[in-house]
Amino acid sequence: MALRLSADLKNEVINHMVSQMAGTCFTAGTSSIKIYTGIQPTDADTAPAGVNGTLLCTIIGIGWGAGTCGATAGTSALASGSGYFGTAVATGTAGWARLQTVGADKYTGSAGTYNIDGDVGTAAASTFVINAVSVTALSTVTLLTAPISIS
């Protein structure tokens, strides 16, 4: 038999995850997203290196909106309707991104690093949707959407 979670449990888990990543609900958060070239590492604890790409851009202050404290269907959405912005530090093609909060201690009792990795692209089906995958150093990179969900 397959493991299945109720909608209420999914929403509760997402609310806790997003609260841990973003800090306070409905405000700019404490997490950042780092966009890399190459392929995503095998897990979210592996440091980017080699084929996992070059850091293209870091966007700071990621927060979640109404969905943060009331996720529906196990999904929460970003607070900013127009996206979050960062300046590219390198030129390349975006391949994946890592959403990260460092120093959070709500659930572990000690400072921890919390990562969520995903693909990045311009299509709505991407985990992290940005304005363009072709990035040029010193250009503006916009994170348009980054829904966090549990299926």
N, C-alpha and C. Protein backbone atom coordinates (compact mmCIF):
# COMPACT_ATOMS: atom_id res chain seq x y z
N MET A 1 0.82 -1.19 0.00
CA MET A 1 0.00 0.00 0.00
C MET A 1 0.87 1.25 0.00
N ALA A 2 0.45 2.26 -0.70
CA ALA A 2 1.19 3.53 -0.78
C ALA A 2 0.89 4.40 0.44
N LEU A 3 1.88 5.18 0.84
CA LEU A 3 1.70 6.14 1.92
C LEU A 3 1.00 7.37 1.35
N ARG A 4 -0.07 7.79 1.99
CA ARG A 4 -0.82 8.97 1.54
C ARG A 4 -1.05 9.89 2.73
N LEU A 5 -0.89 11.18 2.50
CA LEU A 5 -1.10 12.17 3.54
C LEU A 5 -2.39 12.92 3.28
N SER A 6 -3.11 13.24 4.35
CA SER A 6 -4.33 14.05 4.20
C SER A 6 -3.94 15.47 3.82
N ALA A 7 -4.87 16.20 3.23
CA ALA A 7 -4.62 17.59 2.83
C ALA A 7 -4.25 18.43 4.04
N ASP A 8 -4.92 18.23 5.17
CA ASP A 8 -4.61 19.00 6.37
C ASP A 8 -3.19 18.74 6.86
N LEU A 9 -2.73 17.48 6.81
CA LEU A 9 -1.37 17.17 7.23
C LEU A 9 -0.36 17.78 6.27
N LYS A 10 -0.61 17.69 4.97
CA LYS A 10 0.29 18.30 3.98
C LYS A 10 0.42 19.80 4.25
N ASN A 11 -0.72 20.46 4.47
CA ASN A 11 -0.71 21.89 4.72
C ASN A 11 0.06 22.23 5.99
N GLU A 12 -0.10 21.43 7.03
CA GLU A 12 0.61 21.67 8.28
C GLU A 12 2.12 21.52 8.08
N VAL A 13 2.54 20.47 7.38
CA VAL A 13 3.96 20.26 7.12
C VAL A 13 4.52 21.41 6.30
N ILE A 14 3.82 21.82 5.25
CA ILE A 14 4.28 22.94 4.41
C ILE A 14 4.37 24.22 5.24
N ASN A 15 3.36 24.49 6.07
CA ASN A 15 3.39 25.69 6.89
C ASN A 15 4.62 25.72 7.80
N HIS A 16 4.97 24.57 8.38
CA HIS A 16 6.15 24.51 9.24
C HIS A 16 7.43 24.67 8.43
N MET A 17 7.49 24.03 7.26
CA MET A 17 8.68 24.15 6.41
C MET A 17 8.90 25.60 5.99
N VAL A 18 7.86 26.23 5.52
CA VAL A 18 7.98 27.60 5.02
C VAL A 18 8.28 28.56 6.16
N SER A 19 7.65 28.35 7.30
CA SER A 19 7.92 29.19 8.46
C SER A 19 9.39 29.07 8.86
N GLN A 20 9.93 27.86 8.80
CA GLN A 20 11.34 27.65 9.13
C GLN A 20 12.25 28.33 8.10
N MET A 21 11.88 28.26 6.83
CA MET A 21 12.70 28.84 5.77
C MET A 21 12.58 30.37 5.72
N ALA A 22 11.39 30.89 5.96
CA ALA A 22 11.14 32.31 5.72
C ALA A 22 11.19 33.17 6.96
N GLY A 23 11.16 32.58 8.13
CA GLY A 23 11.12 33.39 9.34
C GLY A 23 9.68 33.68 9.71
N THR A 24 9.26 34.93 9.56
CA THR A 24 7.92 35.35 9.95
C THR A 24 6.97 35.29 8.77
N CYS A 25 5.78 34.79 9.01
CA CYS A 25 4.77 34.71 7.95
C CYS A 25 4.41 36.10 7.43
N PHE A 26 4.11 36.18 6.17
CA PHE A 26 3.62 37.39 5.51
C PHE A 26 4.64 38.53 5.42
N THR A 27 5.93 38.24 5.62
CA THR A 27 6.95 39.29 5.55
C THR A 27 8.10 38.80 4.68
N ALA A 28 9.02 39.70 4.39
CA ALA A 28 10.25 39.29 3.72
C ALA A 28 10.94 38.30 4.64
N GLY A 29 11.50 37.28 4.07
CA GLY A 29 12.05 36.21 4.88
C GLY A 29 13.54 36.32 5.11
N THR A 30 14.07 35.27 5.73
CA THR A 30 15.48 35.20 6.04
C THR A 30 16.22 34.26 5.10
N SER A 31 15.51 33.66 4.18
CA SER A 31 16.17 32.70 3.29
C SER A 31 16.66 33.38 2.02
N SER A 32 17.55 32.66 1.34
CA SER A 32 18.07 33.14 0.06
C SER A 32 17.94 32.01 -0.95
N ILE A 33 18.00 32.38 -2.21
CA ILE A 33 18.02 31.38 -3.26
C ILE A 33 19.27 31.61 -4.09
N LYS A 34 20.00 30.53 -4.31
CA LYS A 34 21.23 30.59 -5.11
C LYS A 34 20.96 29.82 -6.39
N ILE A 35 21.24 30.47 -7.51
CA ILE A 35 20.98 29.88 -8.82
C ILE A 35 22.32 29.48 -9.44
N TYR A 36 22.38 28.22 -9.91
CA TYR A 36 23.61 27.65 -10.43
C TYR A 36 23.45 27.16 -11.87
N THR A 37 24.58 27.02 -12.56
CA THR A 37 24.60 26.32 -13.85
C THR A 37 24.70 24.83 -13.55
N GLY A 38 24.57 24.01 -14.57
CA GLY A 38 24.81 22.58 -14.42
C GLY A 38 23.63 21.79 -13.90
N ILE A 39 23.96 20.62 -13.33
CA ILE A 39 22.93 19.71 -12.85
C ILE A 39 22.84 19.74 -11.33
N GLN A 40 21.67 19.51 -10.84
CA GLN A 40 21.38 19.50 -9.42
C GLN A 40 22.14 18.36 -8.73
N PRO A 41 22.72 18.60 -7.54
CA PRO A 41 23.39 17.52 -6.81
C PRO A 41 22.40 16.41 -6.44
N THR A 42 22.92 15.27 -6.03
CA THR A 42 22.08 14.12 -5.72
C THR A 42 21.20 14.35 -4.50
N ASP A 43 21.59 15.23 -3.61
CA ASP A 43 20.73 15.57 -2.47
C ASP A 43 20.97 17.01 -2.05
N ALA A 44 20.09 17.53 -1.21
CA ALA A 44 20.15 18.95 -0.83
C ALA A 44 21.21 19.24 0.22
N ASP A 45 21.95 18.23 0.68
CA ASP A 45 23.04 18.43 1.63
C ASP A 45 24.40 18.49 0.94
N THR A 46 24.47 18.11 -0.33
CA THR A 46 25.73 18.10 -1.06
C THR A 46 26.07 19.51 -1.54
N ALA A 47 27.28 19.95 -1.22
CA ALA A 47 27.73 21.27 -1.66
C ALA A 47 27.92 21.29 -3.17
N PRO A 48 27.51 22.38 -3.83
CA PRO A 48 27.72 22.49 -5.27
C PRO A 48 29.21 22.47 -5.62
N ALA A 49 29.57 21.70 -6.63
CA ALA A 49 30.96 21.63 -7.08
C ALA A 49 30.99 20.95 -8.45
N GLY A 50 32.02 21.23 -9.22
CA GLY A 50 32.23 20.55 -10.50
C GLY A 50 31.02 20.64 -11.40
N VAL A 51 30.45 19.47 -11.75
CA VAL A 51 29.32 19.43 -12.69
C VAL A 51 28.06 20.05 -12.11
N ASN A 52 28.05 20.33 -10.80
CA ASN A 52 26.89 20.95 -10.19
C ASN A 52 26.84 22.45 -10.42
N GLY A 53 27.85 22.99 -11.06
CA GLY A 53 27.76 24.32 -11.59
C GLY A 53 28.43 25.45 -10.87
N THR A 54 28.32 26.55 -11.53
CA THR A 54 28.86 27.82 -11.09
C THR A 54 27.72 28.66 -10.52
N LEU A 55 27.97 29.35 -9.42
CA LEU A 55 26.97 30.25 -8.85
C LEU A 55 26.75 31.42 -9.81
N LEU A 56 25.52 31.59 -10.26
CA LEU A 56 25.18 32.69 -11.15
C LEU A 56 24.64 33.90 -10.40
N CYS A 57 23.82 33.64 -9.37
CA CYS A 57 23.15 34.74 -8.69
C CYS A 57 22.64 34.28 -7.32
N THR A 58 22.67 35.19 -6.35
CA THR A 58 22.05 34.96 -5.05
C THR A 58 20.99 36.02 -4.85
N ILE A 59 19.77 35.58 -4.51
CA ILE A 59 18.67 36.49 -4.22
C ILE A 59 18.33 36.32 -2.75
N ILE A 60 18.34 37.42 -1.98
CA ILE A 60 18.14 37.32 -0.54
C ILE A 60 16.76 37.85 -0.12
N GLY A 61 16.34 37.49 1.10
CA GLY A 61 15.11 38.00 1.68
C GLY A 61 13.85 37.35 1.13
N ILE A 62 13.93 36.07 0.74
CA ILE A 62 12.77 35.39 0.18
C ILE A 62 11.74 35.16 1.28
N GLY A 63 10.48 35.52 1.01
CA GLY A 63 9.39 35.33 1.97
C GLY A 63 8.17 34.75 1.30
N TRP A 64 7.22 34.32 2.09
CA TRP A 64 5.99 33.74 1.57
C TRP A 64 4.80 34.55 2.04
N GLY A 65 3.73 34.53 1.25
CA GLY A 65 2.55 35.33 1.54
C GLY A 65 1.46 34.56 2.22
N ALA A 66 0.23 34.81 1.81
CA ALA A 66 -0.94 34.24 2.45
C ALA A 66 -0.86 32.73 2.54
N GLY A 67 -0.26 32.09 1.55
CA GLY A 67 -0.14 30.64 1.57
C GLY A 67 0.71 30.13 2.71
N THR A 68 1.59 30.97 3.24
CA THR A 68 2.50 30.54 4.30
C THR A 68 1.75 30.03 5.51
N CYS A 69 0.77 30.77 5.93
CA CYS A 69 0.06 30.40 7.15
C CYS A 69 -1.30 29.80 6.83
N GLY A 70 -1.48 29.36 5.64
CA GLY A 70 -2.72 28.74 5.23
C GLY A 70 -2.56 28.04 3.90
N ALA A 71 -1.55 27.17 3.81
CA ALA A 71 -1.30 26.44 2.57
C ALA A 71 -2.54 25.66 2.16
N THR A 72 -2.78 25.55 0.86
CA THR A 72 -3.88 24.74 0.36
C THR A 72 -3.32 23.68 -0.57
N ALA A 73 -3.89 22.52 -0.53
CA ALA A 73 -3.45 21.40 -1.37
C ALA A 73 -1.96 21.12 -1.21
N GLY A 74 -1.44 21.39 0.00
CA GLY A 74 -0.03 21.11 0.26
C GLY A 74 0.93 22.01 -0.46
N THR A 75 0.50 23.23 -0.82
CA THR A 75 1.37 24.16 -1.56
C THR A 75 1.32 25.55 -0.93
N SER A 76 2.47 26.20 -0.85
CA SER A 76 2.56 27.57 -0.38
C SER A 76 3.28 28.40 -1.44
N ALA A 77 2.90 29.66 -1.57
CA ALA A 77 3.45 30.51 -2.63
C ALA A 77 4.26 31.68 -2.06
N LEU A 78 5.06 32.32 -2.89
CA LEU A 78 5.85 33.48 -2.49
C LEU A 78 4.97 34.65 -2.08
N ALA A 79 5.52 35.53 -1.22
CA ALA A 79 4.80 36.72 -0.78
C ALA A 79 4.73 37.77 -1.87
N SER A 80 5.79 37.92 -2.63
CA SER A 80 5.88 38.99 -3.61
C SER A 80 5.21 38.60 -4.92
N GLY A 81 4.23 39.38 -5.35
CA GLY A 81 3.55 39.09 -6.60
C GLY A 81 4.41 39.37 -7.82
N SER A 82 5.39 40.27 -7.68
CA SER A 82 6.22 40.63 -8.82
C SER A 82 7.61 39.99 -8.77
N GLY A 83 7.87 39.17 -7.79
CA GLY A 83 9.13 38.46 -7.72
C GLY A 83 10.16 39.11 -6.83
N TYR A 84 11.27 38.42 -6.71
CA TYR A 84 12.42 38.88 -5.94
C TYR A 84 13.59 39.02 -6.92
N PHE A 85 14.52 39.95 -6.62
CA PHE A 85 15.56 40.30 -7.58
C PHE A 85 16.96 40.13 -7.01
N GLY A 86 17.90 39.79 -7.90
CA GLY A 86 19.30 39.73 -7.53
C GLY A 86 20.13 40.09 -8.74
N THR A 87 21.39 40.44 -8.51
CA THR A 87 22.31 40.78 -9.59
C THR A 87 23.24 39.60 -9.86
N ALA A 88 23.30 39.20 -11.10
CA ALA A 88 24.13 38.05 -11.50
C ALA A 88 25.60 38.36 -11.27
N VAL A 89 26.33 37.35 -10.78
CA VAL A 89 27.77 37.50 -10.55
C VAL A 89 28.59 36.76 -11.60
N ALA A 90 27.92 36.01 -12.47
CA ALA A 90 28.60 35.26 -13.53
C ALA A 90 27.67 35.11 -14.72
N THR A 91 28.22 34.67 -15.84
CA THR A 91 27.45 34.43 -17.05
C THR A 91 27.32 32.93 -17.26
N GLY A 92 26.10 32.49 -17.64
CA GLY A 92 25.89 31.07 -17.90
C GLY A 92 24.42 30.75 -18.04
N THR A 93 24.11 29.46 -18.17
CA THR A 93 22.73 29.00 -18.29
C THR A 93 22.29 28.40 -16.96
N ALA A 94 21.22 28.93 -16.39
CA ALA A 94 20.71 28.44 -15.11
C ALA A 94 20.20 27.02 -15.26
N GLY A 95 20.60 26.15 -14.33
CA GLY A 95 20.19 24.76 -14.39
C GLY A 95 19.42 24.30 -13.16
N TRP A 96 19.76 24.85 -11.98
CA TRP A 96 19.09 24.46 -10.75
C TRP A 96 19.29 25.56 -9.71
N ALA A 97 18.55 25.46 -8.61
CA ALA A 97 18.65 26.47 -7.56
C ALA A 97 18.51 25.82 -6.19
N ARG A 98 19.05 26.51 -5.20
CA ARG A 98 18.94 26.05 -3.81
C ARG A 98 18.36 27.17 -2.96
N LEU A 99 17.22 26.89 -2.34
CA LEU A 99 16.61 27.78 -1.37
C LEU A 99 17.23 27.40 -0.03
N GLN A 100 17.75 28.38 0.71
CA GLN A 100 18.52 28.05 1.91
C GLN A 100 18.31 29.06 3.03
N THR A 101 18.23 28.54 4.25
CA THR A 101 18.26 29.35 5.46
C THR A 101 19.36 28.78 6.34
N VAL A 102 20.23 29.64 6.83
CA VAL A 102 21.31 29.22 7.71
C VAL A 102 21.09 29.82 9.09
N GLY A 103 21.33 29.02 10.10
CA GLY A 103 21.25 29.53 11.46
C GLY A 103 19.90 29.38 12.12
N ALA A 104 18.95 28.75 11.45
CA ALA A 104 17.64 28.54 12.06
C ALA A 104 17.77 27.50 13.17
N ASP A 105 16.98 27.65 14.23
CA ASP A 105 17.09 26.68 15.32
C ASP A 105 15.76 26.28 15.93
N LYS A 106 14.66 26.53 15.23
CA LYS A 106 13.34 26.26 15.78
C LYS A 106 13.13 24.80 16.18
N TYR A 107 13.56 23.89 15.35
CA TYR A 107 13.20 22.49 15.58
C TYR A 107 14.37 21.63 16.00
N THR A 108 15.60 22.05 15.76
CA THR A 108 16.75 21.21 16.07
C THR A 108 17.39 21.55 17.40
N GLY A 109 17.12 22.74 17.92
CA GLY A 109 17.74 23.14 19.16
C GLY A 109 19.14 23.72 18.94
N SER A 110 19.64 23.66 17.74
CA SER A 110 20.94 24.25 17.42
C SER A 110 20.89 24.82 16.01
N ALA A 111 21.85 25.67 15.71
CA ALA A 111 21.87 26.28 14.39
C ALA A 111 21.99 25.20 13.32
N GLY A 112 21.19 25.31 12.30
CA GLY A 112 21.20 24.34 11.22
C GLY A 112 21.15 25.02 9.89
N THR A 113 21.37 24.27 8.84
CA THR A 113 21.24 24.76 7.49
C THR A 113 20.12 23.98 6.83
N TYR A 114 19.12 24.69 6.34
CA TYR A 114 17.95 24.06 5.72
C TYR A 114 17.97 24.38 4.24
N ASN A 115 17.96 23.36 3.41
CA ASN A 115 18.03 23.53 1.96
C ASN A 115 16.85 22.86 1.28
N ILE A 116 16.39 23.49 0.22
CA ILE A 116 15.43 22.89 -0.70
C ILE A 116 16.00 23.12 -2.10
N ASP A 117 16.32 22.05 -2.81
CA ASP A 117 16.86 22.15 -4.17
C ASP A 117 15.76 21.87 -5.18
N GLY A 118 15.91 22.45 -6.35
CA GLY A 118 14.97 22.17 -7.43
C GLY A 118 15.47 22.69 -8.76
N ASP A 119 14.79 22.27 -9.81
CA ASP A 119 15.15 22.76 -11.14
C ASP A 119 14.73 24.21 -11.27
N VAL A 120 15.36 24.91 -12.20
CA VAL A 120 15.05 26.31 -12.43
C VAL A 120 14.81 26.49 -13.92
N GLY A 121 13.84 27.33 -14.24
CA GLY A 121 13.52 27.58 -15.63
C GLY A 121 12.49 28.68 -15.77
N THR A 122 12.03 28.89 -17.00
CA THR A 122 11.01 29.92 -17.25
C THR A 122 9.62 29.33 -17.34
N ALA A 123 9.51 28.02 -17.42
CA ALA A 123 8.21 27.35 -17.52
C ALA A 123 7.57 27.23 -16.15
N ALA A 124 6.26 27.35 -16.10
CA ALA A 124 5.52 27.25 -14.84
C ALA A 124 5.74 25.91 -14.14
N ALA A 125 6.10 24.89 -14.88
CA ALA A 125 6.32 23.56 -14.29
C ALA A 125 7.65 23.47 -13.53
N SER A 126 8.52 24.46 -13.66
CA SER A 126 9.80 24.46 -12.95
C SER A 126 9.57 24.68 -11.46
N THR A 127 10.46 24.12 -10.64
CA THR A 127 10.37 24.33 -9.20
C THR A 127 10.57 25.79 -8.86
N PHE A 128 11.61 26.39 -9.44
CA PHE A 128 11.90 27.81 -9.25
C PHE A 128 11.80 28.48 -10.62
N VAL A 129 10.86 29.39 -10.77
CA VAL A 129 10.65 30.05 -12.07
C VAL A 129 11.34 31.42 -12.04
N ILE A 130 12.24 31.62 -13.02
CA ILE A 130 12.96 32.88 -13.13
C ILE A 130 12.65 33.53 -14.47
N ASN A 131 13.07 34.78 -14.64
CA ASN A 131 12.73 35.53 -15.85
C ASN A 131 13.44 35.03 -17.09
N ALA A 132 14.66 34.48 -16.96
CA ALA A 132 15.41 33.96 -18.12
C ALA A 132 16.47 33.00 -17.62
N VAL A 133 16.68 31.91 -18.35
CA VAL A 133 17.72 30.95 -17.96
C VAL A 133 19.09 31.34 -18.50
N SER A 134 19.14 32.17 -19.52
CA SER A 134 20.40 32.68 -20.03
C SER A 134 20.74 33.92 -19.21
N VAL A 135 21.77 33.80 -18.37
CA VAL A 135 22.11 34.85 -17.41
C VAL A 135 23.45 35.48 -17.80
N THR A 136 23.50 36.80 -17.75
CA THR A 136 24.72 37.55 -18.04
C THR A 136 25.17 38.26 -16.77
N ALA A 137 26.46 38.20 -16.49
CA ALA A 137 27.00 38.88 -15.31
C ALA A 137 26.52 40.32 -15.24
N LEU A 138 26.15 40.74 -14.05
CA LEU A 138 25.66 42.09 -13.72
C LEU A 138 24.23 42.35 -14.19
N SER A 139 23.58 41.38 -14.82
CA SER A 139 22.17 41.55 -15.19
C SER A 139 21.29 41.23 -13.98
N THR A 140 20.04 41.64 -14.06
CA THR A 140 19.08 41.36 -13.00
C THR A 140 18.42 40.01 -13.24
N VAL A 141 18.40 39.19 -12.21
CA VAL A 141 17.71 37.90 -12.25
C VAL A 141 16.51 38.02 -11.33
N THR A 142 15.33 37.63 -11.84
CA THR A 142 14.09 37.73 -11.08
C THR A 142 13.53 36.36 -10.78
N LEU A 143 13.31 36.08 -9.50
CA LEU A 143 12.61 34.86 -9.09
C LEU A 143 11.13 35.21 -9.12
N LEU A 144 10.39 34.58 -10.05
CA LEU A 144 8.97 34.90 -10.23
C LEU A 144 8.07 34.06 -9.33
N THR A 145 8.32 32.78 -9.26
CA THR A 145 7.54 31.91 -8.38
C THR A 145 8.42 30.79 -7.84
N ALA A 146 8.04 30.30 -6.69
CA ALA A 146 8.76 29.20 -6.06
C ALA A 146 7.81 28.48 -5.11
N PRO A 147 6.77 27.86 -5.65
CA PRO A 147 5.84 27.17 -4.76
C PRO A 147 6.51 25.98 -4.09
N ILE A 148 6.31 25.85 -2.79
CA ILE A 148 6.83 24.70 -2.04
C ILE A 148 5.64 23.79 -1.82
N SER A 149 5.77 22.53 -2.23
CA SER A 149 4.61 21.64 -2.14
C SER A 149 5.00 20.22 -1.76
N ILE A 150 4.02 19.50 -1.28
CA ILE A 150 4.12 18.06 -1.02
C ILE A 150 2.99 17.42 -1.80
N SER A 151 3.32 16.46 -2.62
CA SER A 151 2.29 15.79 -3.44
C SER A 151 1.57 14.73 -2.64
